[in-house]
PDB file of all heavy atoms in Angstrom:
ATOM      1  N   GLY A   1     -28.482  -1.123   3.055  1.00  0.00           N
ATOM      2  CA  GLY A   1     -29.319  -2.435   2.951  1.00  0.00           C
ATOM      3  C   GLY A   1     -29.312  -2.967   1.647  1.00  0.00           C
ATOM      4  O   GLY A   1     -30.089  -3.857   1.247  1.00  0.00           O
ATOM      5  N   LYS A   2     -28.487  -2.605   0.653  1.00  0.00           N
ATOM      6  CA  LYS A   2     -28.547  -3.040  -0.648  1.00  0.00           C
ATOM      7  C   LYS A   2     -27.186  -3.550  -1.113  1.00  0.00           C
ATOM      8  O   LYS A   2     -26.177  -2.987  -0.907  1.00  0.00           O
ATOM      9  CB  LYS A   2     -29.001  -1.839  -1.691  1.00  0.00           C
ATOM     10  CG  LYS A   2     -30.285  -1.198  -1.324  1.00  0.00           C
ATOM     11  CD  LYS A   2     -30.566  -0.050  -2.250  1.00  0.00           C
ATOM     12  CE  LYS A   2     -31.901   0.663  -1.987  1.00  0.00           C
ATOM     13  NZ  LYS A   2     -32.075   1.885  -2.739  1.00  0.00           N
ATOM     14  N   GLY A   3     -27.211  -4.731  -1.984  1.00  0.00           N
ATOM     15  CA  GLY A   3     -25.990  -5.139  -2.589  1.00  0.00           C
ATOM     16  C   GLY A   3     -25.530  -4.201  -3.578  1.00  0.00           C
ATOM     17  O   GLY A   3     -26.294  -3.174  -3.979  1.00  0.00           O
ATOM     18  N   PHE A   4     -24.340  -4.381  -4.156  1.00  0.00           N
ATOM     19  CA  PHE A   4     -23.768  -3.300  -5.092  1.00  0.00           C
ATOM     20  C   PHE A   4     -22.872  -3.934  -6.103  1.00  0.00           C
ATOM     21  O   PHE A   4     -22.448  -5.017  -6.006  1.00  0.00           O
ATOM     22  CB  PHE A   4     -23.122  -2.201  -4.266  1.00  0.00           C
ATOM     23  CG  PHE A   4     -21.978  -2.658  -3.431  1.00  0.00           C
ATOM     24  CD1 PHE A   4     -20.615  -2.579  -3.908  1.00  0.00           C
ATOM     25  CD2 PHE A   4     -22.251  -3.293  -2.221  1.00  0.00           C
ATOM     26  CE1 PHE A   4     -19.640  -3.039  -3.089  1.00  0.00           C
ATOM     27  CE2 PHE A   4     -21.226  -3.796  -1.429  1.00  0.00           C
ATOM     28  CZ  PHE A   4     -19.811  -3.637  -1.884  1.00  0.00           C
ATOM     29  N   TRP A   5     -22.558  -3.113  -7.120  1.00  0.00           N
ATOM     30  CA  TRP A   5     -21.495  -3.456  -8.062  1.00  0.00           C
ATOM     31  C   TRP A   5     -20.307  -2.583  -7.913  1.00  0.00           C
ATOM     32  O   TRP A   5     -20.501  -1.350  -7.601  1.00  0.00           O
ATOM     33  CB  TRP A   5     -22.176  -3.339  -9.527  1.00  0.00           C
ATOM     34  CG  TRP A   5     -23.194  -4.344  -9.769  1.00  0.00           C
ATOM     35  CD1 TRP A   5     -24.492  -4.294  -9.414  1.00  0.00           C
ATOM     36  CD2 TRP A   5     -23.066  -5.540 -10.573  1.00  0.00           C
ATOM     37  NE1 TRP A   5     -25.113  -5.375  -9.837  1.00  0.00           N
ATOM     38  CE2 TRP A   5     -24.252  -6.208 -10.547  1.00  0.00           C
ATOM     39  CE3 TRP A   5     -21.961  -6.165 -11.280  1.00  0.00           C
ATOM     40  CZ2 TRP A   5     -24.546  -7.337 -11.263  1.00  0.00           C
ATOM     41  CZ3 TRP A   5     -22.248  -7.352 -11.889  1.00  0.00           C
ATOM     42  CH2 TRP A   5     -23.401  -7.918 -11.931  1.00  0.00           C
ATOM     43  N   HIS A   6     -19.195  -3.108  -8.036  1.00  0.00           N
ATOM     44  CA  HIS A   6     -17.950  -2.316  -7.843  1.00  0.00           C
ATOM     45  C   HIS A   6     -16.799  -2.884  -8.562  1.00  0.00           C
ATOM     46  O   HIS A   6     -16.597  -4.133  -8.754  1.00  0.00           O
ATOM     47  CB  HIS A   6     -17.546  -2.363  -6.375  1.00  0.00           C
ATOM     48  CG  HIS A   6     -16.334  -1.622  -5.993  1.00  0.00           C
ATOM     49  ND1 HIS A   6     -16.224  -0.191  -6.213  1.00  0.00           N
ATOM     50  CD2 HIS A   6     -15.221  -1.932  -5.495  1.00  0.00           C
ATOM     51  CE1 HIS A   6     -14.979   0.141  -5.789  1.00  0.00           C
ATOM     52  NE2 HIS A   6     -14.307  -0.751  -5.328  1.00  0.00           N
ATOM     53  N   LYS A   7     -15.973  -2.066  -9.088  1.00  0.00           N
ATOM     54  CA  LYS A   7     -14.692  -2.415 -10.032  1.00  0.00           C
ATOM     55  C   LYS A   7     -13.543  -2.639  -9.029  1.00  0.00           C
ATOM     56  O   LYS A   7     -13.137  -1.619  -8.448  1.00  0.00           O
ATOM     57  CB  LYS A   7     -14.467  -1.447 -11.043  1.00  0.00           C
ATOM     58  CG  LYS A   7     -13.286  -1.828 -11.974  1.00  0.00           C
ATOM     59  CD  LYS A   7     -13.227  -0.811 -13.077  1.00  0.00           C
ATOM     60  CE  LYS A   7     -12.055  -1.245 -14.072  1.00  0.00           C
ATOM     61  NZ  LYS A   7     -11.888  -0.385 -15.175  1.00  0.00           N
ATOM     62  N   ASP A   8     -13.005  -3.730  -8.834  1.00  0.00           N
ATOM     63  CA  ASP A   8     -11.906  -4.004  -7.950  1.00  0.00           C
ATOM     64  C   ASP A   8     -11.357  -5.483  -8.198  1.00  0.00           C
ATOM     65  O   ASP A   8     -12.055  -6.318  -8.838  1.00  0.00           O
ATOM     66  CB  ASP A   8     -12.251  -3.755  -6.470  1.00  0.00           C
ATOM     67  CG  ASP A   8     -11.142  -3.194  -5.676  1.00  0.00           C
ATOM     68  OD1 ASP A   8      -9.961  -3.353  -5.932  1.00  0.00           O
ATOM     69  OD2 ASP A   8     -11.360  -2.365  -4.695  1.00  0.00           O
ATOM     70  N   GLU A   9     -10.248  -5.785  -7.574  1.00  0.00           N
ATOM     71  CA  GLU A   9      -9.736  -7.048  -7.599  1.00  0.00           C
ATOM     72  C   GLU A   9     -10.092  -7.883  -6.302  1.00  0.00           C
ATOM     73  O   GLU A   9      -9.848  -7.326  -5.155  1.00  0.00           O
ATOM     74  CB  GLU A   9      -8.180  -7.016  -7.721  1.00  0.00           C
ATOM     75  CG  GLU A   9      -7.514  -8.392  -7.815  1.00  0.00           C
ATOM     76  CD  GLU A   9      -6.036  -8.238  -7.614  1.00  0.00           C
ATOM     77  OE1 GLU A   9      -5.442  -8.201  -8.762  1.00  0.00           O
ATOM     78  OE2 GLU A   9      -5.480  -8.267  -6.557  1.00  0.00           O
ATOM     79  N   ILE A  10     -10.683  -9.026  -6.522  1.00  0.00           N
ATOM     80  CA  ILE A  10     -11.181  -9.697  -5.333  1.00  0.00           C
ATOM     81  C   ILE A  10     -10.388 -11.120  -5.101  1.00  0.00           C
ATOM     82  O   ILE A  10     -10.291 -11.859  -6.021  1.00  0.00           O
ATOM     83  CB  ILE A  10     -12.671 -10.047  -5.470  1.00  0.00           C
ATOM     84  CG1 ILE A  10     -13.416  -8.625  -5.609  1.00  0.00           C
ATOM     85  CG2 ILE A  10     -13.248 -10.674  -4.223  1.00  0.00           C
ATOM     86  CD1 ILE A  10     -13.236  -7.614  -4.587  1.00  0.00           C
ATOM     87  N   TYR A  11      -9.933 -11.297  -3.866  1.00  0.00           N
ATOM     88  CA  TYR A  11      -9.231 -12.460  -3.559  1.00  0.00           C
ATOM     89  C   TYR A  11     -10.182 -13.591  -3.147  1.00  0.00           C
ATOM     90  O   TYR A  11     -11.347 -13.372  -2.701  1.00  0.00           O
ATOM     91  CB  TYR A  11      -8.401 -12.204  -2.338  1.00  0.00           C
ATOM     92  CG  TYR A  11      -7.246 -11.322  -2.470  1.00  0.00           C
ATOM     93  CD1 TYR A  11      -6.494 -10.921  -1.271  1.00  0.00           C
ATOM     94  CD2 TYR A  11      -6.814 -10.850  -3.654  1.00  0.00           C
ATOM     95  CE1 TYR A  11      -5.307 -10.180  -1.347  1.00  0.00           C
ATOM     96  CE2 TYR A  11      -5.679  -9.970  -3.757  1.00  0.00           C
ATOM     97  CZ  TYR A  11      -5.069  -9.615  -2.579  1.00  0.00           C
ATOM     98  OH  TYR A  11      -3.886  -8.756  -2.685  1.00  0.00           O
ATOM     99  N   GLN A  12      -9.708 -14.864  -3.325  1.00  0.00           N
ATOM    100  CA  GLN A  12     -10.297 -16.020  -2.679  1.00  0.00           C
ATOM    101  C   GLN A  12      -9.268 -16.430  -1.681  1.00  0.00           C
ATOM    102  O   GLN A  12      -8.034 -15.996  -1.822  1.00  0.00           O
ATOM    103  CB  GLN A  12     -10.599 -17.128  -3.674  1.00  0.00           C
ATOM    104  CG  GLN A  12      -9.477 -17.542  -4.536  1.00  0.00           C
ATOM    105  CD  GLN A  12      -9.985 -18.500  -5.713  1.00  0.00           C
ATOM    106  OE1 GLN A  12     -11.186 -18.809  -5.724  1.00  0.00           O
ATOM    107  NE2 GLN A  12      -9.036 -19.090  -6.360  1.00  0.00           N
ATOM    108  N   TYR A  13      -9.531 -17.229  -0.714  1.00  0.00           N
ATOM    109  CA  TYR A  13      -8.697 -17.458   0.521  1.00  0.00           C
ATOM    110  C   TYR A  13      -8.382 -18.997   0.511  1.00  0.00           C
ATOM    111  O   TYR A  13      -9.322 -19.785   0.256  1.00  0.00           O
ATOM    112  CB  TYR A  13      -9.280 -17.010   1.736  1.00  0.00           C
ATOM    113  CG  TYR A  13      -9.476 -15.491   1.662  1.00  0.00           C
ATOM    114  CD1 TYR A  13     -10.733 -14.915   1.195  1.00  0.00           C
ATOM    115  CD2 TYR A  13      -8.474 -14.677   1.905  1.00  0.00           C
ATOM    116  CE1 TYR A  13     -10.930 -13.574   1.140  1.00  0.00           C
ATOM    117  CE2 TYR A  13      -8.582 -13.275   1.749  1.00  0.00           C
ATOM    118  CZ  TYR A  13      -9.790 -12.743   1.333  1.00  0.00           C
ATOM    119  OH  TYR A  13      -9.984 -11.378   1.120  1.00  0.00           O
ATOM    120  N   LYS A  14      -7.197 -19.260   1.025  1.00  0.00           N
ATOM    121  CA  LYS A  14      -6.748 -20.635   1.105  1.00  0.00           C
ATOM    122  C   LYS A  14      -7.754 -21.352   2.084  1.00  0.00           C
ATOM    123  O   LYS A  14      -7.947 -20.909   3.282  1.00  0.00           O
ATOM    124  CB  LYS A  14      -5.277 -20.729   1.687  1.00  0.00           C
ATOM    125  CG  LYS A  14      -4.337 -20.193   0.767  1.00  0.00           C
ATOM    126  CD  LYS A  14      -2.938 -20.291   1.432  1.00  0.00           C
ATOM    127  CE  LYS A  14      -1.813 -19.861   0.461  1.00  0.00           C
ATOM    128  NZ  LYS A  14      -0.506 -19.872   0.974  1.00  0.00           N
ATOM    129  N   PRO A  15      -8.351 -22.451   1.629  1.00  0.00           N
ATOM    130  CA  PRO A  15      -9.276 -23.207   2.516  1.00  0.00           C
ATOM    131  C   PRO A  15      -8.643 -23.611   3.818  1.00  0.00           C
ATOM    132  O   PRO A  15      -9.368 -23.647   4.838  1.00  0.00           O
ATOM    133  CB  PRO A  15      -9.620 -24.466   1.682  1.00  0.00           C
ATOM    134  CG  PRO A  15      -9.402 -24.077   0.337  1.00  0.00           C
ATOM    135  CD  PRO A  15      -8.253 -23.160   0.264  1.00  0.00           C
ATOM    136  N   GLU A  16      -7.349 -23.964   3.796  1.00  0.00           N
ATOM    137  CA  GLU A  16      -6.808 -24.439   5.126  1.00  0.00           C
ATOM    138  C   GLU A  16      -6.399 -23.314   6.096  1.00  0.00           C
ATOM    139  O   GLU A  16      -6.132 -23.605   7.267  1.00  0.00           O
ATOM    140  CB  GLU A  16      -5.489 -25.167   4.772  1.00  0.00           C
ATOM    141  CG  GLU A  16      -4.295 -24.402   4.073  1.00  0.00           C
ATOM    142  CD  GLU A  16      -4.476 -24.372   2.639  1.00  0.00           C
ATOM    143  OE1 GLU A  16      -5.587 -24.589   2.124  1.00  0.00           O
ATOM    144  OE2 GLU A  16      -3.384 -24.047   2.014  1.00  0.00           O
ATOM    145  N   THR A  17      -6.379 -21.956   5.521  1.00  0.00           N
ATOM    146  CA  THR A  17      -6.103 -20.926   6.544  1.00  0.00           C
ATOM    147  C   THR A  17      -7.200 -19.922   6.775  1.00  0.00           C
ATOM    148  O   THR A  17      -7.093 -19.132   7.676  1.00  0.00           O
ATOM    149  CB  THR A  17      -4.871 -20.207   5.990  1.00  0.00           C
ATOM    150  OG1 THR A  17      -5.170 -19.658   4.724  1.00  0.00           O
ATOM    151  CG2 THR A  17      -3.647 -20.985   5.947  1.00  0.00           C
ATOM    152  N   TYR A  18      -8.300 -20.082   5.866  1.00  0.00           N
ATOM    153  CA  TYR A  18      -9.384 -19.142   6.104  1.00  0.00           C
ATOM    154  C   TYR A  18     -10.136 -19.486   7.480  1.00  0.00           C
ATOM    155  O   TYR A  18     -10.568 -20.519   7.671  1.00  0.00           O
ATOM    156  CB  TYR A  18     -10.391 -19.285   4.957  1.00  0.00           C
ATOM    157  CG  TYR A  18     -11.646 -18.535   5.102  1.00  0.00           C
ATOM    158  CD1 TYR A  18     -11.759 -17.209   5.335  1.00  0.00           C
ATOM    159  CD2 TYR A  18     -12.826 -19.260   4.985  1.00  0.00           C
ATOM    160  CE1 TYR A  18     -12.878 -16.537   5.447  1.00  0.00           C
ATOM    161  CE2 TYR A  18     -14.061 -18.635   5.087  1.00  0.00           C
ATOM    162  CZ  TYR A  18     -14.008 -17.249   5.352  1.00  0.00           C
ATOM    163  OH  TYR A  18     -15.236 -16.650   5.496  1.00  0.00           O
ATOM    164  N   ALA A  19     -10.373 -18.489   8.294  1.00  0.00           N
ATOM    165  CA  ALA A  19     -10.895 -18.724   9.605  1.00  0.00           C
ATOM    166  C   ALA A  19     -12.477 -19.135   9.540  1.00  0.00           C
ATOM    167  O   ALA A  19     -12.939 -19.717  10.442  1.00  0.00           O
ATOM    168  CB  ALA A  19     -10.886 -17.419  10.412  1.00  0.00           C
ATOM    169  N   GLY A  20     -13.094 -18.618   8.495  1.00  0.00           N
ATOM    170  CA  GLY A  20     -14.511 -19.199   8.281  1.00  0.00           C
ATOM    171  C   GLY A  20     -15.600 -18.472   9.116  1.00  0.00           C
ATOM    172  O   GLY A  20     -15.152 -17.677  10.010  1.00  0.00           O
ATOM    173  N   ASP A  21     -16.881 -18.768   8.669  1.00  0.00           N
ATOM    174  CA  ASP A  21     -17.827 -18.057   9.391  1.00  0.00           C
ATOM    175  C   ASP A  21     -18.215 -18.582  10.737  1.00  0.00           C
ATOM    176  O   ASP A  21     -19.021 -18.103  11.382  1.00  0.00           O
ATOM    177  CB  ASP A  21     -19.139 -17.901   8.613  1.00  0.00           C
ATOM    178  CG  ASP A  21     -19.626 -19.217   8.002  1.00  0.00           C
ATOM    179  OD1 ASP A  21     -19.076 -20.313   8.483  1.00  0.00           O
ATOM    180  OD2 ASP A  21     -20.515 -19.302   7.172  1.00  0.00           O
ATOM    181  N   ASP A  22     -17.422 -19.581  11.192  1.00  0.00           N
ATOM    182  CA  ASP A  22     -17.550 -19.998  12.544  1.00  0.00           C
ATOM    183  C   ASP A  22     -16.714 -19.086  13.491  1.00  0.00           C
ATOM    184  O   ASP A  22     -16.849 -19.134  14.732  1.00  0.00           O
ATOM    185  CB  ASP A  22     -17.013 -21.475  12.719  1.00  0.00           C
ATOM    186  CG  ASP A  22     -18.059 -22.462  12.334  1.00  0.00           C
ATOM    187  OD1 ASP A  22     -19.275 -22.114  12.312  1.00  0.00           O
ATOM    188  OD2 ASP A  22     -17.666 -23.598  11.843  1.00  0.00           O
ATOM    189  N   ASN A  23     -15.886 -18.233  12.921  1.00  0.00           N
ATOM    190  CA  ASN A  23     -14.954 -17.395  13.641  1.00  0.00           C
ATOM    191  C   ASN A  23     -15.115 -15.930  13.326  1.00  0.00           C
ATOM    192  O   ASN A  23     -14.737 -15.060  14.019  1.00  0.00           O
ATOM    193  CB  ASN A  23     -13.497 -17.741  13.453  1.00  0.00           C
ATOM    194  CG  ASN A  23     -13.208 -19.153  14.102  1.00  0.00           C
ATOM    195  OD1 ASN A  23     -13.201 -19.327  15.208  1.00  0.00           O
ATOM    196  ND2 ASN A  23     -12.965 -20.090  13.085  1.00  0.00           N
ATOM    197  N   LEU A  24     -15.626 -15.658  12.028  1.00  0.00           N
ATOM    198  CA  LEU A  24     -15.758 -14.312  11.637  1.00  0.00           C
ATOM    199  C   LEU A  24     -17.197 -13.857  11.385  1.00  0.00           C
ATOM    200  O   LEU A  24     -18.058 -14.724  11.150  1.00  0.00           O
ATOM    201  CB  LEU A  24     -15.015 -14.148  10.233  1.00  0.00           C
ATOM    202  CG  LEU A  24     -13.693 -14.724  10.010  1.00  0.00           C
ATOM    203  CD1 LEU A  24     -13.256 -14.619   8.622  1.00  0.00           C
ATOM    204  CD2 LEU A  24     -12.731 -14.020  11.007  1.00  0.00           C
ATOM    205  N   ARG A  25     -17.404 -12.623  11.579  1.00  0.00           N
ATOM    206  CA  ARG A  25     -18.724 -12.141  11.259  1.00  0.00           C
ATOM    207  C   ARG A  25     -18.718 -11.505   9.809  1.00  0.00           C
ATOM    208  O   ARG A  25     -18.047 -10.529   9.539  1.00  0.00           O
ATOM    209  CB  ARG A  25     -19.245 -10.941  12.273  1.00  0.00           C
ATOM    210  CG  ARG A  25     -20.613 -10.423  11.940  1.00  0.00           C
ATOM    211  CD  ARG A  25     -21.712 -11.549  12.119  1.00  0.00           C
ATOM    212  NE  ARG A  25     -23.033 -10.942  12.150  1.00  0.00           N
ATOM    213  CZ  ARG A  25     -23.583 -10.639  13.298  1.00  0.00           C
ATOM    214  NH1 ARG A  25     -23.024 -10.840  14.460  1.00  0.00           N
ATOM    215  NH2 ARG A  25     -24.866 -10.142  13.348  1.00  0.00           N
ATOM    216  N   ILE A  26     -19.235 -12.214   8.905  1.00  0.00           N
ATOM    217  CA  ILE A  26     -19.018 -11.899   7.464  1.00  0.00           C
ATOM    218  C   ILE A  26     -19.995 -10.776   7.172  1.00  0.00           C
ATOM    219  O   ILE A  26     -21.195 -10.785   7.394  1.00  0.00           O
ATOM    220  CB  ILE A  26     -19.331 -13.080   6.528  1.00  0.00           C
ATOM    221  CG1 ILE A  26     -18.419 -14.356   6.975  1.00  0.00           C
ATOM    222  CG2 ILE A  26     -19.015 -12.597   5.035  1.00  0.00           C
ATOM    223  CD1 ILE A  26     -17.001 -14.034   6.892  1.00  0.00           C
TER     224      ILE A  26
END
């Protein structure tokens, strides 16, 4: 139940191909 800090590389996604929270359970 807690947010966290982590060392990693994080992507952002192409707006035109990202399925979005209308299709995904984030």
